[in-house]
Amino acid sequence: MTRKLVYVLILVFSVPSVAQNIDEDQVSVVKLWRDLNGSNQLSIHVGATCNNYDSKRLFAKTGYLSSIEVELINEENKVNTIYGGDRLPMDYMLMFYDEGIWFAEHNDVQAVFIPVFYCRPYFGNEMPLSYIVLYNGKRYMYHFDYLCKSDILGKCSLPFSKRELNKRVSNLPKELAKQFADYLWDIYTTREDLFPNHLIFRTEKYTKTRLPYELATAYNASYPYVLLDKVNRYLEEDKYSLARTYLTEFEYVYLVGELTVDVAGFYVQDNSIGQKAVSYRARVNTEREKLLEQAKFLTRRNQYQEAYLIYKVILEEGKPLEINDSME
């Protein structure tokens, strides 16, 4: 990776999380790669997401204007778009997962496929899906309504033929249009695909596309920050049961292996994670307040792996359920 790419990522990760002062879930992503157009920077910001991982209902699922802003800049061109806001149907909000983005190369230039999912109070047999596609200085927007069987795990399909689908995406270069049509036809086959939890993107069918050479990603989101911030708050108040509840939620969403945190597909492959946990454990009894401050600082820098380790060992070494440990 070039020095320029590293520098941009450092700038992104050094920005404090937007979750500190808002009541809505937000996601910001920067992706960097190189292709025939030179150095590419893709920036995405989604306001008021309704992502399907918030089992604690920390963020509102209705009443906010959702929008997604996308910009791709490289040495040859610049393209941007904004979708959503008051142009969405009433009671709709956007659901966005960085893990759902995929790439396809055509003539040595990367095409970026960005799926946008939806929340609304009630889904009948119709499940909407939108796509923003960026390729070689052009922006393409697509909307599809899948028809699904009524049960929760019901099968879904597009209400027209594969030939018709090919026509609808034919404004893309032919090779990309075929890949896109095949993906739409083969991948989104259940309600879970169209109203996803981010864990679904770890399943095999979502792992068959190739990533650009030297792809680097910076990711900043409200939800992991808010969960760990609540753990910190309750540990400061000696409310161990509540702290444990929110850390368990964090583990359910973001833990992929023993002590290994994966936020949006980015995790630390570090054989010394276990040793770091041991070193934190040795400090719990003598430096607990310092560890809590350190974890808060790490969380603000989106270094969720290290913050999680600190909270994990404090809870393992900490007190049992306190008498005053009651729900908010």
Protein backbone atom coordinates (compact mmCIF):
# COMPACT_ATOMS: atom_id res chain seq x y z
CA MET A 1 0.00 0.00 0.00
CA THR A 2 1.31 3.40 -0.86
CA ARG A 3 2.16 6.01 1.76
CA LYS A 4 -0.71 8.17 0.50
CA LEU A 5 -3.26 5.42 1.13
CA VAL A 6 -1.98 4.80 4.64
CA TYR A 7 -2.08 8.53 5.42
CA VAL A 8 -5.71 8.86 4.32
CA LEU A 9 -6.75 5.89 6.44
CA ILE A 10 -4.98 7.32 9.49
CA LEU A 11 -6.91 10.57 9.02
CA VAL A 12 -10.21 8.69 8.87
CA PHE A 13 -9.52 6.59 11.94
CA SER A 14 -8.38 9.62 13.94
CA VAL A 15 -11.82 11.27 13.70
CA PRO A 16 -13.86 10.78 16.92
CA SER A 17 -16.89 8.58 16.48
CA VAL A 18 -20.05 10.36 15.43
CA ALA A 19 -21.97 8.26 17.94
CA GLN A 20 -21.13 10.52 20.86
CA ASN A 21 -23.77 13.18 20.21
CA ILE A 22 -26.54 11.57 18.17
CA ASP A 23 -29.63 9.46 18.63
CA GLU A 24 -29.44 7.77 15.25
CA ASP A 25 -27.18 5.04 13.91
CA GLN A 26 -24.68 6.33 11.34
CA VAL A 27 -22.01 4.63 9.26
CA SER A 28 -19.02 6.11 7.41
CA VAL A 29 -16.72 4.11 5.15
CA VAL A 30 -13.63 4.98 3.11
CA LYS A 31 -12.19 2.46 0.66
CA LEU A 32 -8.91 2.92 -1.21
CA TRP A 33 -7.49 0.90 -4.10
CA ARG A 34 -5.54 1.24 -7.33
CA ASP A 35 -6.55 0.33 -10.87
CA LEU A 36 -6.07 1.73 -14.39
CA ASN A 37 -7.60 5.03 -13.21
CA GLY A 38 -4.85 5.37 -10.59
CA SER A 39 -5.55 5.81 -6.87
CA ASN A 40 -9.24 5.54 -6.00
CA GLN A 41 -10.98 6.85 -2.90
CA LEU A 42 -14.56 5.76 -2.27
CA SER A 43 -16.32 7.64 0.55
CA ILE A 44 -19.73 6.60 1.85
CA HIS A 45 -21.76 8.15 4.65
CA VAL A 46 -25.15 6.80 5.69
CA GLY A 47 -27.28 8.79 8.10
CA ALA A 48 -30.06 7.26 10.20
CA THR A 49 -29.54 3.63 9.28
CA CYS A 50 -31.89 1.00 10.64
CA ASN A 51 -29.44 -1.90 10.55
CA ASN A 52 -30.74 -5.24 11.70
CA TYR A 53 -28.24 -5.80 14.51
CA ASP A 54 -29.58 -3.40 17.13
CA SER A 55 -31.39 -5.86 19.39
CA LYS A 56 -31.08 -3.41 22.31
CA ARG A 57 -33.07 -0.82 20.34
CA LEU A 58 -30.45 1.83 21.04
CA PHE A 59 -31.43 3.72 17.90
CA ALA A 60 -34.81 4.70 16.50
CA LYS A 61 -36.13 2.54 13.68
CA THR A 62 -38.69 5.10 12.51
CA GLY A 63 -39.02 8.86 12.30
CA TYR A 64 -35.59 9.80 10.94
CA LEU A 65 -34.70 10.78 7.39
CA SER A 66 -32.28 8.19 6.06
CA SER A 67 -29.83 9.09 3.33
CA ILE A 68 -26.69 7.73 1.71
CA GLU A 69 -23.96 9.93 0.24
CA VAL A 70 -21.43 8.30 -2.09
CA GLU A 71 -18.36 9.81 -3.76
CA LEU A 72 -15.65 8.14 -5.82
CA ILE A 73 -12.56 10.15 -6.75
CA ASN A 74 -9.57 8.98 -8.78
CA GLU A 75 -6.93 10.49 -11.04
CA GLU A 76 -9.25 10.41 -14.09
CA ASN A 77 -12.69 11.42 -12.82
CA LYS A 78 -15.02 12.13 -9.93
CA VAL A 79 -18.57 10.90 -9.41
CA ASN A 80 -20.96 11.40 -6.51
CA THR A 81 -24.59 10.86 -5.61
CA ILE A 82 -27.03 11.31 -2.72
CA TYR A 83 -30.02 9.03 -2.31
CA GLY A 84 -32.81 8.98 0.24
CA GLY A 85 -33.96 11.74 2.56
CA ASP A 86 -37.42 13.11 1.88
CA ARG A 87 -37.45 11.30 -1.48
CA LEU A 88 -38.01 7.97 0.31
CA PRO A 89 -41.57 6.72 0.76
CA MET A 90 -43.09 7.57 4.13
CA ASP A 91 -41.84 5.37 7.04
CA TYR A 92 -38.93 3.98 5.00
CA MET A 93 -35.39 4.01 6.39
CA LEU A 94 -32.19 2.75 4.81
CA MET A 95 -30.22 -0.29 5.92
CA PHE A 96 -26.57 -0.40 4.88
CA TYR A 97 -23.75 -2.89 5.42
CA ASP A 98 -20.21 -2.30 4.23
CA GLU A 99 -19.80 -6.07 3.97
CA GLY A 100 -22.45 -6.11 1.24
CA ILE A 101 -20.34 -4.03 -1.16
CA TRP A 102 -18.68 -6.02 -3.93
CA PHE A 103 -16.38 -5.31 -6.88
CA ALA A 104 -15.93 -6.53 -10.44
CA GLU A 105 -13.06 -5.65 -12.76
CA HIS A 106 -13.65 -4.65 -16.38
CA ASN A 107 -10.92 -3.37 -18.71
CA ASP A 108 -8.58 -3.03 -15.69
CA VAL A 109 -11.01 -0.65 -13.92
CA GLN A 110 -12.96 -1.65 -10.82
CA ALA A 111 -16.75 -1.40 -10.80
CA VAL A 112 -18.24 -0.90 -7.33
CA PHE A 113 -21.63 -2.42 -6.48
CA ILE A 114 -23.28 -0.90 -3.39
CA PRO A 115 -26.51 -2.52 -2.16
CA VAL A 116 -29.02 -0.49 -0.16
CA PHE A 117 -31.66 -2.31 1.88
CA TYR A 118 -34.78 -0.93 3.58
CA CYS A 119 -36.74 -0.91 6.82
CA ARG A 120 -40.41 -0.07 7.11
CA PRO A 121 -43.09 -0.92 9.69
CA TYR A 122 -44.46 -3.81 7.67
CA PHE A 123 -43.21 -5.88 4.76
CA GLY A 124 -45.78 -7.86 2.83
CA ASN A 125 -44.81 -10.12 -0.03
CA GLU A 126 -42.76 -7.34 -1.63
CA MET A 127 -39.18 -6.72 -0.46
CA PRO A 128 -37.33 -3.74 -2.03
CA LEU A 129 -33.63 -3.56 -2.90
CA SER A 130 -31.67 -0.70 -4.47
CA TYR A 131 -28.18 -0.62 -5.95
CA ILE A 132 -25.73 2.19 -6.60
CA VAL A 133 -23.12 1.12 -9.17
CA LEU A 134 -20.04 3.19 -9.97
CA TYR A 135 -17.83 2.51 -12.96
CA ASN A 136 -15.29 4.61 -14.84
CA GLY A 137 -16.73 8.01 -13.93
CA LYS A 138 -20.38 7.01 -14.29
CA ARG A 139 -23.09 6.42 -11.71
CA TYR A 140 -25.93 3.93 -12.20
CA MET A 141 -28.98 3.55 -9.94
CA TYR A 142 -31.27 0.50 -9.87
CA HIS A 143 -34.38 -0.44 -7.89
CA PHE A 144 -35.89 -3.91 -7.64
CA ASP A 145 -38.89 -5.34 -5.82
CA TYR A 146 -38.53 -9.02 -4.97
CA LEU A 147 -41.58 -11.17 -4.28
CA CYS A 148 -41.27 -13.36 -1.20
CA LYS A 149 -43.33 -16.09 0.42
CA SER A 150 -45.05 -15.01 3.61
CA ASP A 151 -43.03 -16.94 6.21
CA ILE A 152 -39.97 -15.36 7.87
CA LEU A 153 -37.53 -17.56 5.98
CA GLY A 154 -39.62 -17.43 2.83
CA LYS A 155 -38.01 -17.82 -0.57
CA CYS A 156 -37.74 -14.69 -2.73
CA SER A 157 -37.30 -14.04 -6.43
CA LEU A 158 -37.68 -11.26 -8.95
CA PRO A 159 -41.16 -11.12 -10.54
CA PHE A 160 -39.84 -11.28 -14.10
CA SER A 161 -37.58 -13.41 -16.24
CA LYS A 162 -33.81 -13.48 -16.33
CA ARG A 163 -34.01 -12.05 -19.86
CA GLU A 164 -35.97 -9.07 -18.55
CA LEU A 165 -33.42 -8.57 -15.76
CA ASN A 166 -30.63 -8.51 -18.34
CA LYS A 167 -32.50 -5.76 -20.20
CA ARG A 168 -32.90 -3.68 -17.04
CA VAL A 169 -29.16 -3.61 -16.38
CA SER A 170 -28.06 -3.42 -20.02
CA ASN A 171 -26.84 0.18 -19.68
CA LEU A 172 -23.77 -1.26 -17.97
CA PRO A 173 -20.90 -2.64 -20.09
CA LYS A 174 -21.96 -6.09 -21.28
CA GLU A 175 -19.61 -8.12 -19.07
CA LEU A 176 -20.52 -6.15 -15.94
CA ALA A 177 -24.23 -6.34 -16.78
CA LYS A 178 -24.03 -10.13 -16.92
CA GLN A 179 -22.18 -10.35 -13.58
CA PHE A 180 -24.65 -7.98 -11.98
CA ALA A 181 -27.70 -9.83 -13.31
CA ASP A 182 -26.29 -13.18 -12.17
CA TYR A 183 -25.61 -11.76 -8.70
CA LEU A 184 -29.12 -10.30 -8.36
CA TRP A 185 -30.65 -13.56 -9.55
CA ASP A 186 -28.55 -15.99 -7.50
CA ILE A 187 -27.77 -14.19 -4.22
CA TYR A 188 -31.02 -12.58 -3.05
CA THR A 189 -33.15 -15.70 -2.60
CA THR A 190 -34.62 -15.31 0.92
CA ARG A 191 -36.11 -12.59 3.11
CA GLU A 192 -32.94 -12.76 5.18
CA ASP A 193 -30.92 -11.67 2.13
CA LEU A 194 -33.15 -8.62 1.68
CA PHE A 195 -33.49 -7.72 5.37
CA PRO A 196 -30.05 -8.87 6.50
CA ASN A 197 -28.10 -9.01 9.71
CA HIS A 198 -24.47 -8.35 8.85
CA LEU A 199 -23.58 -11.92 9.91
CA ILE A 200 -25.17 -13.22 6.71
CA PHE A 201 -22.33 -11.72 4.67
CA ARG A 202 -19.97 -14.27 6.22
CA THR A 203 -21.86 -17.11 4.55
CA GLU A 204 -20.27 -18.83 1.57
CA LYS A 205 -22.38 -17.36 -1.22
CA TYR A 206 -21.25 -13.83 -0.35
CA THR A 207 -17.53 -14.65 -0.45
CA LYS A 208 -17.11 -15.51 -4.13
CA THR A 209 -16.32 -12.05 -5.52
CA ARG A 210 -12.76 -10.72 -5.75
CA LEU A 211 -11.49 -7.62 -4.00
CA PRO A 212 -9.36 -4.95 -5.73
CA TYR A 213 -5.60 -5.07 -5.48
CA GLU A 214 -4.31 -3.31 -2.34
CA LEU A 215 -7.82 -2.58 -1.07
CA ALA A 216 -7.76 -0.72 2.24
CA THR A 217 -10.82 0.22 4.27
CA ALA A 218 -11.54 2.55 7.16
CA TYR A 219 -14.85 2.11 8.97
CA ASN A 220 -16.59 4.27 11.55
CA ALA A 221 -19.99 3.33 12.95
CA SER A 222 -22.22 4.29 15.83
CA TYR A 223 -23.28 0.88 17.09
CA PRO A 224 -19.99 -0.72 18.23
CA TYR A 225 -19.02 2.60 19.82
CA VAL A 226 -22.30 2.93 21.73
CA LEU A 227 -22.22 -0.66 22.97
CA LEU A 228 -18.67 -0.34 24.35
CA ASP A 229 -19.39 3.12 25.73
CA LYS A 230 -22.26 1.64 27.75
CA VAL A 231 -19.96 -1.12 29.02
CA ASN A 232 -17.54 1.57 30.20
CA ARG A 233 -20.28 3.60 31.88
CA TYR A 234 -21.69 0.64 33.80
CA LEU A 235 -18.26 -0.55 34.90
CA GLU A 236 -17.55 2.93 36.24
CA GLU A 237 -20.80 2.63 38.22
CA ASP A 238 -19.94 -0.93 39.35
CA LYS A 239 -23.02 -2.26 37.57
CA TYR A 240 -21.39 -5.44 36.37
CA SER A 241 -24.52 -7.22 35.20
CA LEU A 242 -25.49 -4.37 32.88
CA ALA A 243 -21.92 -4.05 31.61
CA ARG A 244 -21.89 -7.77 30.91
CA THR A 245 -25.21 -7.52 29.05
CA TYR A 246 -23.88 -4.95 26.59
CA LEU A 247 -20.54 -6.71 26.17
CA THR A 248 -22.44 -9.91 25.36
CA GLU A 249 -24.35 -7.99 22.69
CA PHE A 250 -21.05 -6.70 21.29
CA GLU A 251 -19.68 -10.26 21.23
CA TYR A 252 -22.76 -11.58 19.43
CA VAL A 253 -22.45 -9.01 16.66
CA TYR A 254 -18.68 -8.58 16.33
CA LEU A 255 -16.79 -11.57 17.79
CA VAL A 256 -15.56 -14.07 15.17
CA GLY A 257 -13.17 -16.20 17.21
CA GLU A 258 -11.68 -16.45 20.66
CA LEU A 259 -11.08 -12.81 21.70
CA THR A 260 -11.05 -11.73 18.03
CA VAL A 261 -13.24 -8.74 17.10
CA ASP A 262 -14.45 -8.25 13.52
CA VAL A 263 -16.20 -4.93 12.83
CA ALA A 264 -17.49 -4.81 9.24
CA GLY A 265 -14.98 -7.38 8.05
CA PHE A 266 -11.86 -5.79 9.56
CA TYR A 267 -10.15 -7.64 12.37
CA VAL A 268 -6.73 -8.02 13.92
CA GLN A 269 -4.97 -11.25 12.98
CA ASP A 270 -2.65 -11.11 15.95
CA ASN A 271 -1.26 -14.19 17.67
CA SER A 272 -0.47 -12.07 20.74
CA ILE A 273 -4.11 -11.23 21.50
CA GLY A 274 -4.18 -13.82 24.28
CA GLN A 275 -0.94 -12.44 25.76
CA LYS A 276 -2.38 -8.91 25.70
CA ALA A 277 -5.41 -10.16 27.61
CA VAL A 278 -3.11 -11.65 30.23
CA SER A 279 -1.22 -8.36 30.60
CA TYR A 280 -4.49 -6.43 31.06
CA ARG A 281 -5.68 -8.99 33.60
CA ALA A 282 -2.58 -8.41 35.72
CA ARG A 283 -3.50 -4.71 36.00
CA VAL A 284 -7.20 -5.00 36.86
CA ASN A 285 -6.83 -4.89 40.64
CA THR A 286 -4.27 -2.06 40.75
CA GLU A 287 -5.05 0.08 37.66
CA ARG A 288 -8.74 -0.45 36.99
CA GLU A 289 -9.56 3.25 36.49
CA LYS A 290 -6.60 3.72 34.14
CA LEU A 291 -7.71 0.71 32.12
CA LEU A 292 -11.23 2.11 31.80
CA GLU A 293 -9.85 5.44 30.57
CA GLN A 294 -7.56 3.62 28.14
CA ALA A 295 -10.49 1.57 26.80
CA LYS A 296 -12.61 4.71 26.33
CA PHE A 297 -9.76 6.35 24.40
CA LEU A 298 -9.28 3.26 22.22
CA THR A 299 -13.00 3.13 21.44
CA ARG A 300 -12.97 6.76 20.30
CA ARG A 301 -10.20 5.84 17.88
CA ASN A 302 -12.26 2.89 16.60
CA GLN A 303 -9.71 0.44 18.06
CA TYR A 304 -12.47 -1.89 19.16
CA GLN A 305 -10.25 -4.97 19.48
CA GLU A 306 -8.11 -3.53 22.28
CA ALA A 307 -11.03 -1.87 24.07
CA TYR A 308 -12.93 -5.15 24.03
CA LEU A 309 -9.99 -7.03 25.56
CA ILE A 310 -9.84 -4.58 28.46
CA TYR A 311 -13.56 -4.82 29.20
CA LYS A 312 -13.49 -8.59 28.85
CA VAL A 313 -10.77 -9.09 31.46
CA ILE A 314 -12.27 -6.51 33.86
CA LEU A 315 -15.57 -8.38 33.79
CA GLU A 316 -13.87 -11.76 34.18
CA GLU A 317 -11.86 -10.50 37.14
CA GLY A 318 -14.62 -8.25 38.51
CA LYS A 319 -17.37 -8.45 41.09
CA PRO A 320 -20.47 -10.64 40.91
CA LEU A 321 -23.92 -9.09 40.41
CA GLU A 322 -24.32 -6.03 42.59
CA ILE A 323 -27.46 -5.37 44.67
CA ASN A 324 -27.83 -1.93 43.02
CA ASP A 325 -27.25 -3.38 39.55
CA SER A 326 -30.66 -2.56 38.07
CA MET A 327 -31.80 -1.77 34.54
CA GLU A 328 -31.94 1.79 33.24
